Amino acid sequence: MLAYRVRDLTKVYKDGQVVANDRLSFDIEAGEIFGLLGPNGAGKTTLVRQMMGLVKPSSGLIELFGIPLAGGNIDMIPWYVSYTPQRLGAVADLTAYEGLCVTGRLRGMDREDAAKQAAGLVDEFRLGYLGKRPIGKMSGGEQRLVAMGMALMASRPVMILDEPTNDLDPSYRKQAWERLKEINHARKTTIILVTHNVVEAEKVLQRVGIINQGKIQALGTVGSLKARIDQRVRVDVRLKSGSEGYADLAFLRDLGDVEARFLSDREVLLLVPRPQVQQVTDKVISAVDMSYLDDLRIITPTLEDVYLQLGGGERLEHEGTC
């Protein structure tokens, strides 16, 4: 069964001048953890807002469990989907506990059940120390924890989380990912993660859609997407700050089957056919004064590499860099 079915979805703003989503087509299976990845401004949030009925598509079709989301059918969405956006402006004046209670009540829980679950989530995410502090006065990481709790209030078949681990410290990030895996396994909840962070997300995602410039650039399981690029190995070269050896790496642009991406004034990412890895690394070492070389790494394909090769865009951000 499909949780979401999207066909030829297009959203155009500003009298046709800005195409936020361009004929997107994909399916999300019920019970899977699906990642929608891409850089800021790629069209991810616009897509999700249409999937939640908050923005009307310019054209195309969205189905939720086989029912087209149009007209009066949009009213069904809150009963099937819990959605937590990046910003919690609607509950900014409430405490964490109050925000959780209100979310539960809006999702049909009675007062007693909402209060009980809210109290449990305050304990689980260690939010009690915040006391009466309004959500709007909390740090970014604290707001992310409240948002995670809000997503868990009242069980729904689908959860959509927009940048769920931004600003969280490593221990909370680990807790969040483990909790999501637990919910998916125990309840068969469909979880849709919208993110531009990939290092931690790669550990939980089952399928991925990579979006850039409003279009789906790649779609499939993490394993199948990695297999598409597995014939090349990533070699990262980093020079020391202020190094004069950067110019010595210009020859990397002319190595035929080797793709060189100059990420900064001292970082180069190489995508090298497996048989040529030794040859290329030897050339780098011989071309650069070793006193200038800060790091040289040979890395098997990651989800970030999938994005770089199949998405054709800028480097995705890593967890923990915010």
Protein backbone atom coordinates (compact mmCIF):
# COMPACT_ATOMS: atom_id res chain seq x y z
CA MET A 1 0.00 0.00 0.00
CA LEU A 2 1.15 3.52 -0.75
CA ALA A 3 1.05 6.17 1.93
CA TYR A 4 1.64 8.94 -0.64
CA ARG A 5 1.42 8.89 -4.41
CA VAL A 6 2.64 12.03 -6.19
CA ARG A 7 2.33 12.55 -9.94
CA ASP A 8 3.52 15.48 -12.08
CA LEU A 9 3.31 17.84 -9.11
CA THR A 10 4.17 21.42 -10.03
CA LYS A 11 4.14 24.59 -7.95
CA VAL A 12 4.84 27.96 -9.58
CA TYR A 13 5.12 31.29 -7.74
CA LYS A 14 5.32 34.94 -8.78
CA ASP A 15 3.39 34.87 -12.05
CA GLY A 16 5.29 31.88 -13.35
CA GLN A 17 8.74 33.29 -12.63
CA VAL A 18 9.67 30.85 -9.83
CA VAL A 19 9.16 27.11 -10.27
CA ALA A 20 9.46 25.65 -6.77
CA ASN A 21 8.46 22.11 -7.79
CA ASP A 22 8.73 20.90 -11.38
CA ARG A 23 6.63 17.85 -12.39
CA LEU A 24 7.59 15.74 -9.37
CA SER A 25 6.51 12.08 -9.42
CA PHE A 26 7.28 9.53 -6.70
CA ASP A 27 5.69 7.07 -4.27
CA ILE A 28 6.16 6.61 -0.53
CA GLU A 29 5.34 3.12 0.71
CA ALA A 30 3.29 2.69 3.88
CA GLY A 31 5.54 1.73 6.79
CA GLU A 32 8.85 2.92 5.36
CA ILE A 33 11.29 5.61 6.49
CA PHE A 34 11.67 7.90 3.50
CA GLY A 35 14.19 10.72 3.25
CA LEU A 36 13.65 13.81 1.15
CA LEU A 37 17.14 15.25 0.78
CA GLY A 38 18.48 18.39 -0.83
CA PRO A 39 20.13 21.74 -0.12
CA ASN A 40 18.29 24.73 1.27
CA GLY A 41 16.02 26.21 -1.39
CA ALA A 42 15.72 22.94 -3.32
CA GLY A 43 11.92 22.86 -3.02
CA LYS A 44 11.59 20.37 -0.14
CA THR A 45 9.45 22.48 2.19
CA THR A 46 7.16 23.62 -0.64
CA LEU A 47 6.61 19.98 -1.55
CA VAL A 48 5.78 19.00 2.02
CA ARG A 49 3.39 21.91 2.48
CA GLN A 50 1.48 20.67 -0.56
CA MET A 51 1.47 17.13 0.84
CA MET A 52 -0.09 18.58 4.01
CA GLY A 53 -2.71 20.59 2.11
CA LEU A 54 -1.24 23.90 3.30
CA VAL A 55 -0.32 25.04 -0.22
CA LYS A 56 -2.38 24.38 -3.34
CA PRO A 57 -0.43 22.84 -6.25
CA SER A 58 -0.35 24.65 -9.58
CA SER A 59 -0.93 21.27 -11.24
CA GLY A 60 -0.49 17.56 -10.61
CA LEU A 61 -1.85 14.95 -8.23
CA ILE A 62 -1.23 13.99 -4.60
CA GLU A 63 -2.92 10.93 -3.10
CA LEU A 64 -2.88 9.95 0.59
CA PHE A 65 -3.65 6.26 1.06
CA GLY A 66 -5.28 6.24 -2.35
CA ILE A 67 -7.47 9.32 -1.80
CA PRO A 68 -6.77 12.42 -3.95
CA LEU A 69 -5.98 15.46 -1.81
CA ALA A 70 -8.27 18.01 -3.34
CA GLY A 71 -11.35 19.89 -2.22
CA GLY A 72 -12.95 18.53 0.94
CA ASN A 73 -10.55 15.60 1.12
CA ILE A 74 -7.87 17.89 2.54
CA ASP A 75 -9.73 17.76 5.86
CA MET A 76 -8.66 14.12 6.26
CA ILE A 77 -4.94 14.95 6.42
CA PRO A 78 -4.65 15.79 10.16
CA TRP A 79 -6.25 12.45 11.01
CA TYR A 80 -3.64 10.52 9.05
CA VAL A 81 -0.51 12.69 9.24
CA SER A 82 1.36 14.43 12.04
CA TYR A 83 3.54 17.22 10.69
CA THR A 84 6.10 19.26 12.56
CA PRO A 85 7.53 22.25 10.66
CA GLN A 86 10.88 23.87 11.36
CA ARG A 87 9.31 26.85 13.14
CA LEU A 88 6.80 26.58 15.98
CA GLY A 89 5.33 30.07 15.76
CA ALA A 90 1.77 28.93 16.51
CA VAL A 91 2.76 27.75 20.01
CA ALA A 92 5.55 30.25 20.68
CA ASP A 93 3.85 31.65 23.81
CA LEU A 94 3.20 28.23 25.39
CA THR A 95 5.47 26.12 27.57
CA ALA A 96 6.74 22.78 26.28
CA TYR A 97 4.12 20.89 28.28
CA GLU A 98 1.32 23.21 27.16
CA GLY A 99 2.39 22.97 23.52
CA LEU A 100 2.33 19.19 23.68
CA CYS A 101 -1.08 19.17 25.36
CA VAL A 102 -2.57 21.54 22.79
CA THR A 103 -1.18 19.43 19.95
CA GLY A 104 -2.75 16.30 21.42
CA ARG A 105 -6.12 18.00 21.90
CA LEU A 106 -6.09 19.32 18.34
CA ARG A 107 -5.50 15.75 17.17
CA GLY A 108 -8.57 14.47 18.97
CA MET A 109 -7.15 13.26 22.30
CA ASP A 110 -9.21 13.83 25.43
CA ARG A 111 -7.76 16.13 28.07
CA GLU A 112 -6.59 13.37 30.42
CA ASP A 113 -4.84 11.29 27.75
CA ALA A 114 -3.20 14.37 26.23
CA ALA A 115 -1.90 15.47 29.64
CA LYS A 116 -0.55 12.00 30.40
CA GLN A 117 1.29 11.63 27.08
CA ALA A 118 2.61 15.21 27.25
CA ALA A 119 4.04 14.60 30.72
CA GLY A 120 5.69 11.39 29.50
CA LEU A 121 7.31 13.16 26.56
CA VAL A 122 8.57 16.00 28.78
CA ASP A 123 10.33 13.33 30.85
CA GLU A 124 11.58 11.35 27.84
CA PHE A 125 13.21 14.37 26.19
CA ARG A 126 14.35 15.85 29.53
CA LEU A 127 12.40 19.07 29.04
CA GLY A 128 11.33 19.56 32.64
CA TYR A 129 14.16 21.99 33.39
CA LEU A 130 12.59 24.48 30.97
CA GLY A 131 9.74 25.04 33.42
CA LYS A 132 7.52 27.94 32.38
CA ARG A 133 9.83 29.21 29.64
CA PRO A 134 7.81 29.94 26.45
CA ILE A 135 8.74 27.88 23.40
CA GLY A 136 9.55 31.09 21.52
CA LYS A 137 12.24 31.90 24.10
CA MET A 138 13.93 28.50 23.88
CA SER A 139 17.14 27.74 22.01
CA GLY A 140 17.00 26.14 18.58
CA GLY A 141 17.89 22.72 20.00
CA GLU A 142 15.25 22.96 22.72
CA GLN A 143 12.62 23.88 20.15
CA ARG A 144 13.66 20.85 18.05
CA LEU A 145 13.03 18.58 21.05
CA VAL A 146 9.61 20.11 21.61
CA ALA A 147 8.86 19.68 17.91
CA MET A 148 9.84 16.01 18.10
CA GLY A 149 7.50 15.59 21.06
CA MET A 150 4.68 17.30 19.18
CA ALA A 151 5.16 14.89 16.27
CA LEU A 152 4.70 11.98 18.69
CA MET A 153 1.50 13.31 20.27
CA ALA A 154 -1.48 11.12 19.25
CA SER A 155 -0.49 8.21 17.06
CA ARG A 156 -0.86 8.81 13.33
CA PRO A 157 -0.07 6.45 10.41
CA VAL A 158 2.31 9.03 8.89
CA MET A 159 4.83 11.41 10.46
CA ILE A 160 6.50 14.22 8.50
CA LEU A 161 9.48 15.84 10.21
CA ASP A 162 11.14 18.91 8.70
CA GLU A 163 14.83 19.12 9.74
CA PRO A 164 14.15 17.17 12.98
CA THR A 165 17.69 17.16 14.38
CA ASN A 166 18.90 20.66 13.53
CA ASP A 167 20.67 22.30 16.49
CA LEU A 168 20.59 19.14 18.64
CA ASP A 169 23.71 18.01 20.45
CA PRO A 170 25.03 14.50 19.63
CA SER A 171 23.33 12.71 22.54
CA TYR A 172 19.91 14.14 21.70
CA ARG A 173 20.42 13.43 17.99
CA LYS A 174 21.16 9.79 18.74
CA GLN A 175 18.09 9.59 20.98
CA ALA A 176 15.89 11.15 18.29
CA TRP A 177 17.02 8.76 15.55
CA GLU A 178 16.65 5.72 17.82
CA ARG A 179 13.15 6.83 18.83
CA LEU A 180 12.10 7.19 15.21
CA LYS A 181 13.41 3.73 14.34
CA GLU A 182 11.58 2.31 17.34
CA ILE A 183 8.27 3.91 16.29
CA ASN A 184 8.67 2.73 12.73
CA HIS A 185 9.38 -0.84 13.85
CA ALA A 186 6.72 -1.07 16.56
CA ARG A 187 3.85 0.77 14.87
CA LYS A 188 4.78 0.46 11.19
CA THR A 189 4.49 4.23 11.06
CA THR A 190 5.46 5.85 7.77
CA ILE A 191 8.14 8.42 8.58
CA ILE A 192 9.11 11.11 6.10
CA LEU A 193 12.28 13.00 6.98
CA VAL A 194 12.98 16.29 5.24
CA THR A 195 16.60 17.25 5.70
CA HIS A 196 19.84 18.56 4.22
CA ASN A 197 21.86 16.67 6.84
CA VAL A 198 22.90 13.17 5.84
CA VAL A 199 25.51 11.63 8.12
CA GLU A 200 23.09 10.51 10.85
CA ALA A 201 20.03 10.24 8.58
CA GLU A 202 21.77 7.65 6.42
CA LYS A 203 21.61 5.19 9.32
CA VAL A 204 17.79 5.18 9.46
CA LEU A 205 16.58 5.87 5.92
CA GLN A 206 15.22 3.01 3.84
CA ARG A 207 14.51 4.96 0.66
CA VAL A 208 15.62 8.37 -0.51
CA GLY A 209 14.46 11.04 -2.90
CA ILE A 210 17.09 13.65 -3.78
CA ILE A 211 15.60 16.97 -4.84
CA ASN A 212 17.42 19.96 -6.28
CA GLN A 213 16.16 22.99 -8.20
CA GLY A 214 12.62 21.71 -7.79
CA LYS A 215 13.22 18.35 -9.48
CA ILE A 216 13.76 14.79 -8.29
CA GLN A 217 17.35 14.01 -9.24
CA ALA A 218 17.50 10.45 -7.87
CA LEU A 219 15.09 8.04 -6.17
CA GLY A 220 15.58 4.61 -4.62
CA THR A 221 16.87 2.64 -1.65
CA VAL A 222 20.10 3.84 -0.08
CA GLY A 223 21.77 0.63 -1.24
CA SER A 224 20.56 0.87 -4.84
CA LEU A 225 21.67 4.50 -5.15
CA LYS A 226 25.09 3.67 -3.74
CA ALA A 227 25.37 0.79 -6.22
CA ARG A 228 24.92 3.25 -9.08
CA ILE A 229 28.10 5.06 -8.08
CA ASP A 230 30.01 2.12 -6.58
CA GLN A 231 32.40 1.88 -9.51
CA ARG A 232 34.05 5.08 -8.31
CA VAL A 233 35.79 5.76 -5.03
CA ARG A 234 35.87 9.11 -3.29
CA VAL A 235 39.29 10.56 -2.48
CA ASP A 236 39.33 13.66 -0.28
CA VAL A 237 42.38 15.93 -0.40
CA ARG A 238 42.74 18.76 2.10
CA LEU A 239 45.65 21.18 2.24
CA LYS A 240 46.71 23.21 5.24
CA SER A 241 45.36 26.72 5.60
CA GLY A 242 47.42 29.23 3.66
CA SER A 243 49.09 26.47 1.68
CA GLU A 244 50.80 27.39 -1.56
CA GLY A 245 50.35 23.84 -2.81
CA TYR A 246 46.81 24.37 -4.07
CA ALA A 247 47.97 25.35 -7.55
CA ASP A 248 49.83 22.04 -7.76
CA LEU A 249 46.48 20.23 -7.80
CA ALA A 250 45.28 21.90 -11.00
CA PHE A 251 46.40 18.83 -12.96
CA LEU A 252 43.53 16.90 -11.34
CA ARG A 253 41.14 18.58 -13.76
CA ASP A 254 42.79 16.73 -16.65
CA LEU A 255 42.89 13.12 -15.49
CA GLY A 256 40.30 11.77 -17.91
CA ASP A 257 37.94 9.49 -16.00
CA VAL A 258 38.65 11.23 -12.69
CA GLU A 259 36.12 13.87 -11.66
CA ALA A 260 37.61 16.67 -9.55
CA ARG A 261 35.44 19.00 -7.49
CA PHE A 262 37.25 21.93 -5.89
CA LEU A 263 35.14 22.54 -2.79
CA SER A 264 37.16 25.41 -1.35
CA ASP A 265 40.55 27.05 -1.68
CA ARG A 266 42.14 24.03 0.02
CA GLU A 267 39.71 21.12 -0.42
CA VAL A 268 39.36 18.86 -3.45
CA LEU A 269 36.98 15.92 -3.76
CA LEU A 270 37.95 13.32 -6.36
CA LEU A 271 35.69 10.61 -7.79
CA VAL A 272 38.08 7.96 -9.06
CA PRO A 273 37.44 4.68 -10.92
CA ARG A 274 38.46 1.86 -8.59
CA PRO A 275 41.37 0.60 -10.75
CA GLN A 276 42.94 4.08 -10.75
CA VAL A 277 42.82 4.87 -7.03
CA GLN A 278 46.44 3.94 -6.31
CA GLN A 279 47.70 5.80 -9.38
CA VAL A 280 45.79 8.98 -8.54
CA THR A 281 46.78 9.04 -4.87
CA ASP A 282 50.42 8.53 -5.85
CA LYS A 283 50.17 11.50 -8.23
CA VAL A 284 48.66 13.71 -5.53
CA ILE A 285 51.39 12.80 -3.05
CA SER A 286 54.15 13.42 -5.60
CA ALA A 287 52.65 16.73 -6.78
CA VAL A 288 52.15 18.33 -3.37
CA ASP A 289 54.83 19.28 -0.90
CA MET A 290 54.03 16.97 2.05
CA SER A 291 54.35 19.87 4.46
CA TYR A 292 51.28 21.38 2.76
CA LEU A 293 49.14 18.22 2.89
CA ASP A 294 46.72 18.27 5.83
CA ASP A 295 44.68 15.15 5.03
CA LEU A 296 44.24 12.51 2.33
CA ARG A 297 41.37 10.05 2.67
CA ILE A 298 39.99 7.22 0.56
CA ILE A 299 36.29 6.83 1.32
CA THR A 300 33.75 4.25 0.16
CA PRO A 301 30.49 5.73 -1.17
CA THR A 302 28.18 7.47 1.28
CA LEU A 303 24.76 9.02 0.90
CA GLU A 304 26.48 12.38 0.45
CA ASP A 305 28.42 10.95 -2.48
CA VAL A 306 25.14 9.80 -4.01
CA TYR A 307 23.91 13.37 -3.81
CA LEU A 308 27.10 14.83 -5.23
CA GLN A 309 27.13 12.46 -8.20
CA LEU A 310 23.43 11.98 -8.91
CA GLY A 311 22.05 15.23 -7.55
CA GLY A 312 24.55 17.39 -9.36
CA GLY A 313 24.58 20.13 -6.79
CA GLU A 314 26.44 21.61 -3.86
CA ARG A 315 27.75 19.61 -0.98
CA LEU A 316 25.12 18.70 1.60
CA GLU A 317 25.69 19.80 5.17
CA HIS A 318 26.71 17.32 7.85
CA GLU A 319 25.01 16.78 11.19
CA GLY A 320 26.71 18.75 13.88
CA THR A 321 27.88 21.63 11.69
CA CYS A 322 25.02 23.98 12.49
